[in-house]
């Protein structure tokens, strides 16, 4: 009897403990990047390109539109103050489905919070991720992100070549269905990524390059960058499983800072740290060759081809250490780039010889695969020059037709490893 009483008491104690235990938490969503833009600092006034944004935002709303490459039912927005010297005070932020221009679809507006707070102070050098919100955002949804600043917010962290119209208006309009803009810009301010809940088995491909990957000279607001069109191909053939993130910076170089940090400096942030990143596509080096001796870098020593190739080898090793595939795209023809324009001097025959040496290395087998954009875009009669049908007019950047041809030329098996 004594033993029976003891066991009964133990059972009662266990029942009480179990009843008092908290319920198991719901599974945490798995996240994947659905859109991104590599952030860069505002350059000094001696550089010839304007930023295209005000020096600060104060008692103003800025509404920016992005397009996702995969879909989800939950959304998080990542804001960046990585190049700020002081804390960035954000009074309010909203996200909704874009209805074109500065409009938001009725019923889709959602207030964003950050660790449970509707306003947030982002420390200098930091990023801040919003709390998850419920929002059905299928692949290729256009999302409008609205930020209101009640205190002066120095515009120090940007993405210059956004190729997408942002709308700026006086006052707090984050929840308005439409904004009557006082000014517009094709640069981005503070926004760096959109995350969605990942489908099982989802993977990320990161495109890492310069203005040709950033979509320079493509039609604004049309999503005609070659990574955009590549994402559409992947979705059509493989479904909503692969995200394509564009982490390019116009003016980017492998070895040197100016319009953004050099490629070695932000590779970990923009490529390695991406959730589910499996492949990176590298197309970079033409600015390392073209800038020195031009008005963009008149007194800067030119790197050797060994220097550029050494940078490539560093990126290859770092990708492989994280188990990622790294595919390289050849540098496209650039004869007569900016000829007759203020930036003339970007091209000469010695620089063309460097491009040929660099492309030979890219084709050598050092990378896990090669996308030969050089062979695709060059003029058969003059291989140093881009084909007229693909030329935006500056003899460097492709037009919409060129970007479409580039996206269609990619062997998808190089990206998936299948």
Protein backbone atom coordinates (compact mmCIF):
# COMPACT_ATOMS: atom_id res chain seq x y z
CA UNK A 1 0.00 0.00 0.00
CA UNK A 2 2.84 2.32 0.86
CA UNK A 3 4.35 1.90 -2.59
CA UNK A 4 0.98 2.47 -4.26
CA UNK A 5 0.47 5.74 -2.34
CA UNK A 6 3.97 6.93 -3.30
CA UNK A 7 3.39 6.23 -6.98
CA UNK A 8 0.03 7.95 -6.88
CA UNK A 9 1.55 11.04 -5.29
CA UNK A 10 4.28 11.09 -7.94
CA UNK A 11 1.67 10.83 -10.69
CA UNK A 12 -0.32 13.72 -9.24
CA UNK A 13 2.79 15.85 -9.00
CA UNK A 14 3.69 15.09 -12.60
CA UNK A 15 0.15 15.95 -13.75
CA UNK A 16 0.28 19.32 -11.93
CA UNK A 17 3.70 20.12 -13.40
CA UNK A 18 2.53 19.23 -16.89
CA UNK A 19 -0.62 21.31 -16.55
CA UNK A 20 1.41 24.30 -15.37
CA UNK A 21 3.93 24.07 -18.23
CA UNK A 22 3.53 26.69 -20.98
CA UNK A 23 2.16 25.59 -24.32
CA UNK A 24 4.74 24.81 -26.97
CA UNK A 25 5.57 27.84 -29.12
CA UNK A 26 4.42 27.90 -32.72
CA UNK A 27 7.13 27.01 -35.23
CA UNK A 28 9.29 29.98 -36.16
CA UNK A 29 9.05 30.86 -39.87
CA UNK A 30 12.08 30.25 -42.03
CA UNK A 31 13.10 33.44 -43.87
CA UNK A 32 14.55 34.14 -47.30
CA UNK A 33 15.49 37.34 -49.08
CA UNK A 34 12.90 38.26 -51.71
CA UNK A 35 14.45 41.57 -52.76
CA UNK A 36 17.65 43.44 -51.92
CA UNK A 37 19.77 46.44 -52.82
CA UNK A 38 23.36 46.79 -51.69
CA UNK A 39 23.75 49.95 -49.65
CA UNK A 40 26.49 52.49 -50.25
CA UNK A 41 27.68 55.75 -48.68
CA UNK A 42 27.05 59.21 -50.07
CA UNK A 43 30.22 60.27 -51.85
CA UNK A 44 32.08 63.54 -51.41
CA UNK A 45 31.20 66.59 -53.54
CA UNK A 46 34.30 66.27 -55.73
CA UNK A 47 32.79 63.21 -57.45
CA UNK A 48 30.98 64.20 -60.67
CA UNK A 49 27.69 62.31 -60.16
CA UNK A 50 24.82 63.82 -58.13
CA UNK A 51 23.22 61.62 -55.48
CA UNK A 52 19.69 62.53 -56.52
CA UNK A 53 18.37 62.62 -52.96
CA UNK A 54 18.05 65.46 -50.42
CA UNK A 55 20.82 65.76 -47.85
CA UNK A 56 18.29 64.93 -45.13
CA UNK A 57 14.64 64.04 -44.63
CA UNK A 58 12.72 65.99 -41.97
CA UNK A 59 8.98 65.98 -41.37
CA UNK A 60 8.78 64.10 -44.65
CA UNK A 61 7.61 60.72 -45.95
CA UNK A 62 9.53 58.77 -48.57
CA UNK A 63 7.71 55.93 -50.36
CA UNK A 64 9.87 53.40 -52.24
CA UNK A 65 8.76 50.48 -54.42
CA UNK A 66 10.51 47.10 -54.67
CA UNK A 67 9.62 43.89 -56.51
CA UNK A 68 9.99 40.48 -54.90
CA UNK A 69 11.46 37.48 -56.74
CA UNK A 70 9.76 34.85 -54.54
CA UNK A 71 6.46 34.94 -52.70
CA UNK A 72 5.39 34.54 -49.11
CA UNK A 73 2.60 35.10 -46.62
CA UNK A 74 4.71 36.98 -44.09
CA UNK A 75 7.00 39.94 -44.75
CA UNK A 76 9.86 41.69 -42.95
CA UNK A 77 11.64 44.86 -44.08
CA UNK A 78 15.31 45.54 -43.37
CA UNK A 79 16.43 49.16 -42.99
CA UNK A 80 20.05 50.28 -42.90
CA UNK A 81 21.99 53.05 -41.22
CA UNK A 82 25.31 51.40 -42.02
CA UNK A 83 26.97 54.58 -43.28
CA UNK A 84 25.40 56.94 -40.77
CA UNK A 85 27.53 58.76 -38.21
CA UNK A 86 24.66 59.08 -35.74
CA UNK A 87 21.50 57.21 -34.80
CA UNK A 88 18.71 57.33 -37.39
CA UNK A 89 15.34 58.16 -35.81
CA UNK A 90 12.39 56.69 -37.70
CA UNK A 91 8.98 57.85 -36.51
CA UNK A 92 6.83 55.42 -38.51
CA UNK A 93 7.04 52.86 -41.29
CA UNK A 94 4.41 51.05 -43.35
CA UNK A 95 4.38 48.51 -46.18
CA UNK A 96 1.65 47.64 -48.66
CA UNK A 97 1.09 46.22 -52.11
CA UNK A 98 1.82 48.82 -54.76
CA UNK A 99 -1.01 49.90 -57.04
CA UNK A 100 1.32 51.71 -59.42
CA UNK A 101 3.23 54.94 -58.90
CA UNK A 102 2.83 56.21 -55.35
CA UNK A 103 -0.45 54.33 -54.78
CA UNK A 104 -1.07 51.40 -52.43
CA UNK A 105 -3.80 48.80 -52.93
CA UNK A 106 -6.71 49.35 -50.58
CA UNK A 107 -6.67 46.92 -47.67
CA UNK A 108 -3.01 45.96 -48.01
CA UNK A 109 -1.42 48.67 -45.83
CA UNK A 110 0.40 47.38 -42.76
CA UNK A 111 2.20 49.29 -40.01
CA UNK A 112 5.70 48.01 -39.30
CA UNK A 113 7.09 47.55 -35.83
CA UNK A 114 10.63 46.90 -34.66
CA UNK A 115 10.97 44.71 -31.58
CA UNK A 116 7.37 45.64 -30.81
CA UNK A 117 7.82 49.41 -31.25
CA UNK A 118 6.29 51.50 -34.04
CA UNK A 119 9.14 54.00 -33.95
CA UNK A 120 12.80 53.05 -33.82
CA UNK A 121 16.29 54.48 -33.47
CA UNK A 122 18.79 52.65 -35.69
CA UNK A 123 22.34 52.93 -34.32
CA UNK A 124 25.12 54.15 -36.59
CA UNK A 125 26.61 51.33 -38.64
CA UNK A 126 23.62 49.06 -37.99
CA UNK A 127 20.70 47.43 -39.73
CA UNK A 128 17.26 46.98 -38.21
CA UNK A 129 14.79 44.26 -39.19
CA UNK A 130 11.06 44.78 -38.76
CA UNK A 131 8.83 42.34 -36.93
CA UNK A 132 6.96 39.91 -39.21
CA UNK A 133 3.63 41.07 -40.59
CA UNK A 134 0.96 39.01 -42.31
CA UNK A 135 0.74 40.03 -45.95
CA UNK A 136 0.16 37.81 -48.96
CA UNK A 137 2.88 38.82 -51.41
CA UNK A 138 3.16 36.40 -54.35
CA UNK A 139 6.32 36.23 -56.43
CA UNK A 140 6.92 39.44 -58.40
CA UNK A 141 4.70 41.49 -56.12
CA UNK A 142 5.53 45.18 -56.01
CA UNK A 143 5.68 46.41 -52.42
CA UNK A 144 5.64 50.05 -51.37
CA UNK A 145 7.64 50.86 -48.24
CA UNK A 146 6.87 54.23 -46.63
CA UNK A 147 9.12 55.86 -44.03
CA UNK A 148 8.31 59.01 -42.02
CA UNK A 149 10.99 61.04 -40.23
CA UNK A 150 9.83 63.50 -37.57
CA UNK A 151 13.41 64.48 -36.75
CA UNK A 152 16.17 65.41 -39.22
CA UNK A 153 17.46 62.21 -40.83
CA UNK A 154 20.73 62.66 -42.71
CA UNK A 155 20.57 60.67 -45.95
CA UNK A 156 23.84 58.81 -45.55
CA UNK A 157 22.98 55.22 -46.54
CA UNK A 158 21.67 54.90 -50.09
CA UNK A 159 21.50 52.79 -53.20
CA UNK A 160 22.21 55.27 -55.95
CA UNK A 161 21.11 53.54 -59.17
CA UNK A 162 17.68 52.31 -58.10
CA UNK A 163 16.06 52.55 -61.56
CA UNK A 164 12.80 52.91 -59.62
CA UNK A 165 10.89 56.06 -58.70
CA UNK A 166 10.73 57.05 -55.03
CA UNK A 167 8.21 59.64 -53.87
CA UNK A 168 8.93 62.28 -51.22
CA UNK A 169 6.20 64.40 -49.60
CA UNK A 170 5.97 66.80 -46.67
CA UNK A 171 4.21 65.38 -43.62
CA UNK A 172 3.29 61.94 -42.32
CA UNK A 173 1.69 59.94 -45.15
CA UNK A 174 2.88 56.42 -44.38
CA UNK A 175 -0.68 55.08 -44.20
CA UNK A 176 -2.13 57.06 -47.11
CA UNK A 177 -3.30 55.12 -50.16
CA UNK A 178 -1.71 57.73 -52.40
CA UNK A 179 0.99 60.35 -51.98
CA UNK A 180 1.11 63.70 -53.73
CA UNK A 181 4.86 63.97 -54.11
CA UNK A 182 6.81 67.20 -53.71
CA UNK A 183 9.85 65.48 -55.23
CA UNK A 184 10.87 62.18 -56.78
CA UNK A 185 14.14 60.27 -57.01
CA UNK A 186 15.48 57.16 -58.69
CA UNK A 187 17.83 56.46 -55.81
CA UNK A 188 16.94 54.52 -52.68
CA UNK A 189 17.34 55.64 -49.08
CA UNK A 190 17.81 53.37 -46.04
CA UNK A 191 15.97 50.31 -47.41
CA UNK A 192 18.19 47.28 -48.03
CA UNK A 193 16.13 44.07 -48.06
CA UNK A 194 12.72 42.42 -47.99
CA UNK A 195 12.39 39.00 -46.37
CA UNK A 196 9.48 36.57 -46.74
CA UNK A 197 8.69 33.23 -45.13
CA UNK A 198 10.55 30.64 -47.16
CA UNK A 199 8.97 27.72 -48.95
CA UNK A 200 10.49 24.31 -48.11
CA UNK A 201 13.67 23.76 -50.09
CA UNK A 202 13.94 27.40 -51.19
CA UNK A 203 17.36 28.66 -52.31
CA UNK A 204 18.93 32.04 -53.06
CA UNK A 205 21.08 33.10 -56.00
CA UNK A 206 22.95 36.35 -55.42
CA UNK A 207 24.07 38.45 -58.39
CA UNK A 208 27.11 40.51 -57.43
CA UNK A 209 28.37 43.13 -59.83
CA UNK A 210 28.52 46.70 -61.07
CA UNK A 211 26.20 48.96 -63.09
CA UNK A 212 25.54 46.33 -65.76
CA UNK A 213 24.04 44.05 -63.10
CA UNK A 214 22.47 47.03 -61.31
CA UNK A 215 20.46 47.74 -64.47
CA UNK A 216 21.97 51.07 -65.53
CA UNK A 217 20.29 52.43 -68.69
CA UNK A 218 17.34 50.04 -68.38
CA UNK A 219 13.83 51.51 -68.47
CA UNK A 220 12.99 52.95 -65.03
CA UNK A 221 10.14 51.31 -63.09
CA UNK A 222 10.06 48.38 -65.55
CA UNK A 223 12.22 45.79 -63.74
CA UNK A 224 14.27 45.12 -66.87
CA UNK A 225 17.60 44.46 -65.17
CA UNK A 226 19.00 41.13 -66.30
CA UNK A 227 18.70 39.61 -62.77
CA UNK A 228 14.98 40.58 -62.76
CA UNK A 229 14.44 38.78 -66.05
CA UNK A 230 16.54 35.83 -64.89
CA UNK A 231 14.30 35.51 -61.82
CA UNK A 232 11.26 35.32 -64.10
CA UNK A 233 12.90 32.51 -66.11
CA UNK A 234 13.76 30.55 -62.97
CA UNK A 235 10.23 30.95 -61.63
CA UNK A 236 8.73 29.80 -64.92
CA UNK A 237 10.86 26.67 -65.04
CA UNK A 238 11.33 25.77 -61.37
CA UNK A 239 8.42 27.46 -59.58
CA UNK A 240 8.54 29.62 -56.45
CA UNK A 241 11.67 27.97 -55.06
CA UNK A 242 14.59 30.21 -56.04
CA UNK A 243 15.10 33.81 -55.04
CA UNK A 244 17.35 36.06 -57.12
CA UNK A 245 18.89 38.93 -55.16
CA UNK A 246 20.62 41.84 -56.88
CA UNK A 247 23.55 43.01 -54.76
CA UNK A 248 25.19 45.10 -57.49
CA UNK A 249 26.44 48.67 -57.13
CA UNK A 250 26.87 50.97 -60.09
CA UNK A 251 30.53 51.98 -60.22
CA UNK A 252 31.55 48.98 -58.12
CA UNK A 253 35.12 47.70 -58.30
CA UNK A 254 36.77 44.55 -57.06
CA UNK A 255 39.62 46.32 -55.28
CA UNK A 256 38.84 50.00 -54.72
CA UNK A 257 36.21 52.10 -52.92
CA UNK A 258 34.40 55.15 -54.31
CA UNK A 259 30.75 54.73 -55.28
CA UNK A 260 30.59 51.91 -52.77
CA UNK A 261 32.87 49.71 -50.75
CA UNK A 262 35.09 47.41 -52.80
CA UNK A 263 33.78 43.93 -53.58
CA UNK A 264 36.00 42.21 -51.01
CA UNK A 265 34.72 44.52 -48.27
CA UNK A 266 30.99 43.80 -48.48
CA UNK A 267 30.98 40.23 -49.82
CA UNK A 268 30.21 38.75 -46.40
CA UNK A 269 27.38 41.22 -45.72
CA UNK A 270 25.65 41.00 -49.10
CA UNK A 271 26.40 37.45 -50.22
CA UNK A 272 27.64 35.10 -47.49
CA UNK A 273 25.12 36.27 -44.88
CA UNK A 274 22.07 35.77 -47.11
CA UNK A 275 19.84 32.98 -45.78
CA UNK A 276 19.72 29.94 -48.07
CA UNK A 277 22.38 31.43 -50.39
CA UNK A 278 23.64 28.63 -52.63
CA UNK A 279 25.17 30.41 -55.65
CA UNK A 280 26.74 33.79 -56.35
CA UNK A 281 27.09 35.15 -59.89
CA UNK A 282 30.03 37.56 -60.16
CA UNK A 283 30.26 40.14 -62.94
CA UNK A 284 32.77 42.77 -61.95
CA UNK A 285 36.12 44.19 -63.03
CA UNK A 286 35.39 46.52 -65.93
CA UNK A 287 35.50 49.57 -63.62
CA UNK A 288 38.83 48.45 -62.15
CA UNK A 289 40.11 48.57 -65.74
CA UNK A 290 38.24 51.61 -67.06
CA UNK A 291 38.24 54.13 -64.20
CA UNK A 292 41.98 54.87 -63.73
CA UNK A 293 43.15 57.70 -65.97
CA UNK A 294 39.57 58.77 -66.76
CA UNK A 295 37.76 61.74 -65.16
CA UNK A 296 36.34 59.25 -62.65
CA UNK A 297 39.80 58.52 -61.19
CA UNK A 298 42.30 60.75 -63.02
CA UNK A 299 45.20 60.28 -60.60
CA UNK A 300 44.58 56.73 -59.43
CA UNK A 301 47.09 54.02 -60.23
CA UNK A 302 45.66 51.28 -62.41
CA UNK A 303 45.55 47.79 -60.93
CA UNK A 304 47.30 45.04 -62.86
CA UNK A 305 45.42 42.09 -64.25
CA UNK A 306 47.12 39.99 -61.56
CA UNK A 307 45.65 42.32 -58.95
CA UNK A 308 42.12 41.88 -60.31
CA UNK A 309 42.53 38.12 -60.68
CA UNK A 310 43.88 37.96 -57.13
CA UNK A 311 40.66 39.62 -55.97
CA UNK A 312 38.63 37.03 -57.86
CA UNK A 313 40.57 34.23 -56.17
CA UNK A 314 39.76 35.68 -52.77
CA UNK A 315 36.03 35.68 -53.59
CA UNK A 316 36.23 32.12 -54.93
CA UNK A 317 37.89 30.87 -51.74
CA UNK A 318 35.44 32.69 -49.47
CA UNK A 319 32.41 31.35 -51.36
CA UNK A 320 33.75 27.81 -51.31
CA UNK A 321 34.50 27.98 -47.59
CA UNK A 322 30.77 28.54 -47.05
CA UNK A 323 29.76 25.78 -49.44
CA UNK A 324 28.54 28.17 -52.13
CA UNK A 325 28.94 27.86 -55.87
CA UNK A 326 30.51 30.89 -57.55
CA UNK A 327 29.82 31.48 -61.24
CA UNK A 328 31.50 34.29 -63.17
CA UNK A 329 30.29 36.31 -66.15
CA UNK A 330 32.82 37.59 -68.68
CA UNK A 331 33.35 41.35 -69.03
CA UNK A 332 31.43 42.74 -71.99
CA UNK A 333 32.95 44.84 -74.84
CA UNK A 334 33.48 48.53 -74.13
CA UNK A 335 35.28 50.16 -77.08
CA UNK A 336 34.35 53.86 -77.46
CA UNK A 337 32.72 53.96 -74.01
CA UNK A 338 31.74 57.59 -73.23
CA UNK A 339 33.48 58.76 -76.42
CA UNK A 340 32.78 62.45 -76.98
CA UNK A 341 31.26 62.75 -73.48
CA UNK A 342 32.73 64.30 -70.31
CA UNK A 343 33.85 60.85 -69.11
CA UNK A 344 35.87 60.08 -72.23
CA UNK A 345 39.07 58.21 -71.36
CA UNK A 346 37.32 55.22 -69.82
CA UNK A 347 38.47 53.13 -72.81
CA UNK A 348 41.81 52.73 -74.58
CA UNK A 349 43.59 49.87 -76.30
CA UNK A 350 45.74 49.02 -73.27
CA UNK A 351 42.58 48.70 -71.18
CA UNK A 352 41.06 46.43 -73.82
CA UNK A 353 44.12 44.15 -73.54
CA UNK A 354 43.51 43.94 -69.79
CA UNK A 355 39.88 42.98 -70.38
CA UNK A 356 41.01 40.16 -72.63
CA UNK A 357 43.43 38.83 -70.00
CA UNK A 358 40.80 39.00 -67.27
CA UNK A 359 38.24 37.24 -69.47
CA UNK A 360 40.78 34.50 -70.24
CA UNK A 361 41.08 33.85 -66.50
CA UNK A 362 37.30 33.81 -66.08
CA UNK A 363 37.10 31.17 -68.82
CA UNK A 364 40.01 29.16 -67.38
CA UNK A 365 37.96 26.91 -65.10
CA UNK A 366 38.77 28.66 -61.82
CA UNK A 367 35.08 29.35 -61.21
CA UNK A 368 32.31 26.77 -60.85
CA UNK A 369 30.81 27.95 -64.11
CA UNK A 370 31.05 30.71 -66.72
CA UNK A 371 28.35 32.86 -68.35
CA UNK A 372 29.92 34.28 -71.51
CA UNK A 373 28.22 37.68 -71.79
CA UNK A 374 31.21 38.88 -73.82
CA UNK A 375 30.54 36.36 -76.59
CA UNK A 376 26.81 37.12 -76.44
CA UNK A 377 26.99 40.91 -76.73
CA UNK A 378 30.03 41.60 -78.90
CA UNK A 379 29.80 42.79 -82.50
CA UNK A 380 30.90 39.99 -84.83
CA UNK A 381 32.57 42.51 -87.14
CA UNK A 382 34.35 44.27 -84.25
CA UNK A 383 34.57 42.08 -81.12
CA UNK A 384 35.85 45.01 -79.04
CA UNK A 385 32.50 46.79 -79.48
CA UNK A 386 29.02 45.96 -78.18
CA UNK A 387 26.42 45.04 -80.80
CA UNK A 388 24.34 48.03 -81.89
CA UNK A 389 21.07 46.22 -81.12
CA UNK A 390 22.17 45.82 -77.47
CA UNK A 391 23.85 49.24 -76.99
CA UNK A 392 22.14 51.81 -74.76
CA UNK A 393 24.15 54.51 -76.52
CA UNK A 394 27.16 54.89 -74.22
CA UNK A 395 28.85 51.73 -75.66
CA UNK A 396 29.15 50.18 -72.21
CA UNK A 397 25.70 49.53 -70.77
CA UNK A 398 23.18 47.29 -72.55
CA UNK A 399 19.67 48.50 -73.31
CA UNK A 400 16.52 46.57 -72.41
CA UNK A 401 17.02 44.23 -75.37
CA UNK A 402 20.58 43.55 -74.26
CA UNK A 403 19.55 42.78 -70.69
CA UNK A 404 16.81 40.46 -71.96
CA UNK A 405 19.30 38.60 -74.17
CA UNK A 406 21.68 38.25 -71.21
CA UNK A 407 18.99 36.76 -68.97
CA UNK A 408 17.90 34.35 -71.67
CA UNK A 409 21.49 33.20 -72.34
CA UNK A 410 22.14 31.92 -68.80
CA UNK A 411 22.28 28.14 -68.47
CA UNK A 412 20.08 27.63 -65.41
CA UNK A 413 21.93 24.43 -64.49
CA UNK A 414 25.04 26.54 -63.81
CA UNK A 415 23.09 28.33 -61.09
CA UNK A 416 21.35 25.38 -59.49
CA UNK A 417 24.21 22.88 -59.79
CA UNK A 418 21.79 20.27 -61.14
